[in-house]
Amino acid sequence: MKKTYYGTNAGPGPQIVNIFIEYPLEPGRRPRTRRLLHRSRHSPDGFQWGYYGSGPADLALAILWDYTGLEPEPKLYQKFKNDLIAKAGQQLRIEGGEIDQWLRAQK
């Protein structure tokens, strides 16, 4: 299984929002989780989603960077923001398979 990124949000605006990464370990064992690292490029206030802004841009950057292990180009993470992050509702949940599918569609 692949990583899953998730979080809960009260809505746009200045607030602390944590995104967690779930790593499945082995069949029959509980998954391991950790917080996603925020690398501030656009938003000094941290992650956000559900709109087209700086917090969602930083979230898109962080998810793609964490998932692929490579720093994504701005054009790529901005498109990821527009396609997935900005359209998410109060509950954010992005599965690794969904990211793989999205990345394949970009080629």
C-alpha atoms as a PDB file:
ATOM      1  CA  MET A   1       0.000   0.000   0.000  1.00  0.00           C
ATOM      2  CA  LYS A   2       1.011   3.598  -0.521  1.00  0.00           C
ATOM      3  CA  LYS A   3       1.002   6.711   1.614  1.00  0.00           C
ATOM      4  CA  THR A   4      -2.229   8.558   2.384  1.00  0.00           C
ATOM      5  CA  TYR A   5      -2.338  12.292   3.177  1.00  0.00           C
ATOM      6  CA  TYR A   6      -5.196  13.557   5.344  1.00  0.00           C
ATOM      7  CA  GLY A   7      -6.373  16.389   7.566  1.00  0.00           C
ATOM      8  CA  THR A   8      -9.429  18.263   8.812  1.00  0.00           C
ATOM      9  CA  ASN A   9     -10.063  21.927   8.227  1.00  0.00           C
ATOM     10  CA  ALA A  10     -12.492  24.469   9.647  1.00  0.00           C
ATOM     11  CA  GLY A  11     -12.280  26.592   6.479  1.00  0.00           C
ATOM     12  CA  PRO A  12     -10.067  29.190   4.819  1.00  0.00           C
ATOM     13  CA  GLY A  13      -8.291  31.691   6.988  1.00  0.00           C
ATOM     14  CA  PRO A  14      -5.462  31.948   9.482  1.00  0.00           C
ATOM     15  CA  GLN A  15      -5.449  28.794  11.557  1.00  0.00           C
ATOM     16  CA  ILE A  16      -3.078  25.950  12.283  1.00  0.00           C
ATOM     17  CA  VAL A  17      -3.803  23.037  10.003  1.00  0.00           C
ATOM     18  CA  ASN A  18      -1.882  19.789  10.303  1.00  0.00           C
ATOM     19  CA  ILE A  19      -1.620  17.297   7.508  1.00  0.00           C
ATOM     20  CA  PHE A  20      -0.758  13.742   8.408  1.00  0.00           C
ATOM     21  CA  ILE A  21       0.830  11.015   6.341  1.00  0.00           C
ATOM     22  CA  GLU A  22      -0.235   7.460   6.983  1.00  0.00           C
ATOM     23  CA  TYR A  23       2.255   4.722   6.124  1.00  0.00           C
ATOM     24  CA  PRO A  24       0.926   1.171   6.103  1.00  0.00           C
ATOM     25  CA  LEU A  25       3.520  -1.133   7.659  1.00  0.00           C
ATOM     26  CA  GLU A  26       2.551  -4.759   7.184  1.00  0.00           C
ATOM     27  CA  PRO A  27      -0.710  -6.597   6.664  1.00  0.00           C
ATOM     28  CA  GLY A  28      -2.514  -6.905   9.977  1.00  0.00           C
ATOM     29  CA  ARG A  29      -0.516  -4.139  11.709  1.00  0.00           C
ATOM     30  CA  ARG A  30      -1.575  -0.586  12.453  1.00  0.00           C
ATOM     31  CA  PRO A  31      -0.278   2.082  10.078  1.00  0.00           C
ATOM     32  CA  ARG A  32       2.353   4.567  11.202  1.00  0.00           C
ATOM     33  CA  THR A  33       1.609   8.306  10.916  1.00  0.00           C
ATOM     34  CA  ARG A  34       3.622  11.521  10.958  1.00  0.00           C
ATOM     35  CA  ARG A  35       2.980  15.190  10.195  1.00  0.00           C
ATOM     36  CA  LEU A  36       3.790  16.544   6.741  1.00  0.00           C
ATOM     37  CA  LEU A  37       6.688  18.994   6.729  1.00  0.00           C
ATOM     38  CA  HIS A  38       5.773  22.560   5.733  1.00  0.00           C
ATOM     39  CA  ARG A  39       8.355  24.175   3.463  1.00  0.00           C
ATOM     40  CA  SER A  40       7.159  27.759   3.257  1.00  0.00           C
ATOM     41  CA  ARG A  41       7.215  29.046  -0.329  1.00  0.00           C
ATOM     42  CA  HIS A  42       3.964  30.921  -0.588  1.00  0.00           C
ATOM     43  CA  SER A  43       2.301  30.872   2.831  1.00  0.00           C
ATOM     44  CA  PRO A  44       4.089  31.725   6.073  1.00  0.00           C
ATOM     45  CA  ASP A  45       0.886  30.687   7.896  1.00  0.00           C
ATOM     46  CA  GLY A  46       1.069  27.051   6.775  1.00  0.00           C
ATOM     47  CA  PHE A  47      -1.102  24.629   4.882  1.00  0.00           C
ATOM     48  CA  GLN A  48      -4.661  25.161   3.743  1.00  0.00           C
ATOM     49  CA  TRP A  49      -7.009  23.748   1.092  1.00  0.00           C
ATOM     50  CA  GLY A  50     -10.400  24.289  -0.467  1.00  0.00           C
ATOM     51  CA  TYR A  51      -9.506  27.422  -2.427  1.00  0.00           C
ATOM     52  CA  TYR A  52      -6.870  28.736  -4.874  1.00  0.00           C
ATOM     53  CA  GLY A  53      -4.331  30.458  -2.631  1.00  0.00           C
ATOM     54  CA  SER A  54      -0.916  30.388  -1.009  1.00  0.00           C
ATOM     55  CA  GLY A  55      -1.704  27.821   1.713  1.00  0.00           C
ATOM     56  CA  PRO A  56      -3.013  25.329  -0.867  1.00  0.00           C
ATOM     57  CA  ALA A  57       0.063  25.982  -3.034  1.00  0.00           C
ATOM     58  CA  ASP A  58       2.371  25.092  -0.140  1.00  0.00           C
ATOM     59  CA  LEU A  59       0.315  21.974   0.568  1.00  0.00           C
ATOM     60  CA  ALA A  60       0.513  20.833  -3.062  1.00  0.00           C
ATOM     61  CA  LEU A  61       4.265  21.438  -3.054  1.00  0.00           C
ATOM     62  CA  ALA A  62       4.754  19.504   0.194  1.00  0.00           C
ATOM     63  CA  ILE A  63       2.627  16.515  -0.814  1.00  0.00           C
ATOM     64  CA  LEU A  64       4.300  16.071  -4.197  1.00  0.00           C
ATOM     65  CA  TRP A  65       7.776  16.589  -2.715  1.00  0.00           C
ATOM     66  CA  ASP A  66       7.120  14.056   0.043  1.00  0.00           C
ATOM     67  CA  TYR A  67       5.460  11.527  -2.247  1.00  0.00           C
ATOM     68  CA  THR A  68       8.014  11.576  -5.074  1.00  0.00           C
ATOM     69  CA  GLY A  69      11.105  12.458  -3.039  1.00  0.00           C
ATOM     70  CA  LEU A  70      11.898  15.203  -5.557  1.00  0.00           C
ATOM     71  CA  GLU A  71      11.218  18.927  -5.421  1.00  0.00           C
ATOM     72  CA  PRO A  72       8.438  19.526  -7.977  1.00  0.00           C
ATOM     73  CA  GLU A  73       8.528  22.340 -10.485  1.00  0.00           C
ATOM     74  CA  PRO A  74       6.151  25.240  -9.705  1.00  0.00           C
ATOM     75  CA  LYS A  75       4.057  24.518 -12.811  1.00  0.00           C
ATOM     76  CA  LEU A  76       3.478  20.929 -11.637  1.00  0.00           C
ATOM     77  CA  TYR A  77       2.534  21.653  -8.029  1.00  0.00           C
ATOM     78  CA  GLN A  78       0.348  24.616  -9.023  1.00  0.00           C
ATOM     79  CA  LYS A  79      -1.597  22.296 -11.349  1.00  0.00           C
ATOM     80  CA  PHE A  80      -1.858  19.710  -8.532  1.00  0.00           C
ATOM     81  CA  LYS A  81      -3.210  22.494  -6.325  1.00  0.00           C
ATOM     82  CA  ASN A  82      -5.785  23.486  -8.949  1.00  0.00           C
ATOM     83  CA  ASP A  83      -6.849  19.910  -9.732  1.00  0.00           C
ATOM     84  CA  LEU A  84      -6.975  18.385  -6.231  1.00  0.00           C
ATOM     85  CA  ILE A  85      -6.103  20.652  -3.309  1.00  0.00           C
ATOM     86  CA  ALA A  86      -8.295  23.650  -4.124  1.00  0.00           C
ATOM     87  CA  LYS A  87     -11.316  21.409  -4.734  1.00  0.00           C
ATOM     88  CA  ALA A  88     -11.083  19.480  -1.451  1.00  0.00           C
ATOM     89  CA  GLY A  89     -13.789  19.956   1.148  1.00  0.00           C
ATOM     90  CA  GLN A  90     -13.463  20.143   4.913  1.00  0.00           C
ATOM     91  CA  GLN A  91     -11.925  16.662   5.036  1.00  0.00           C
ATOM     92  CA  LEU A  92      -8.779  16.237   2.962  1.00  0.00           C
ATOM     93  CA  ARG A  93      -7.789  12.690   2.035  1.00  0.00           C
ATOM     94  CA  ILE A  94      -5.506  11.964  -0.890  1.00  0.00           C
ATOM     95  CA  GLU A  95      -4.421   8.368  -1.468  1.00  0.00           C
ATOM     96  CA  GLY A  96      -1.140   7.416  -3.105  1.00  0.00           C
ATOM     97  CA  GLY A  97      -2.937   5.712  -5.982  1.00  0.00           C
ATOM     98  CA  GLU A  98      -4.760   8.958  -6.750  1.00  0.00           C
ATOM     99  CA  ILE A  99      -1.422  10.812  -6.841  1.00  0.00           C
ATOM    100  CA  ASP A 100       0.073   8.143  -9.136  1.00  0.00           C
ATOM    101  CA  GLN A 101      -2.883   8.442 -11.492  1.00  0.00           C
ATOM    102  CA  TRP A 102      -2.651  12.241 -11.512  1.00  0.00           C
ATOM    103  CA  LEU A 103       1.109  12.158 -12.174  1.00  0.00           C
ATOM    104  CA  ARG A 104       0.671   9.718 -15.089  1.00  0.00           C
ATOM    105  CA  ALA A 105      -1.926  12.041 -16.635  1.00  0.00           C
ATOM    106  CA  GLN A 106       0.587  14.924 -16.602  1.00  0.00           C
ATOM    107  CA  LYS A 107       2.982  13.179 -19.011  1.00  0.00           C
END
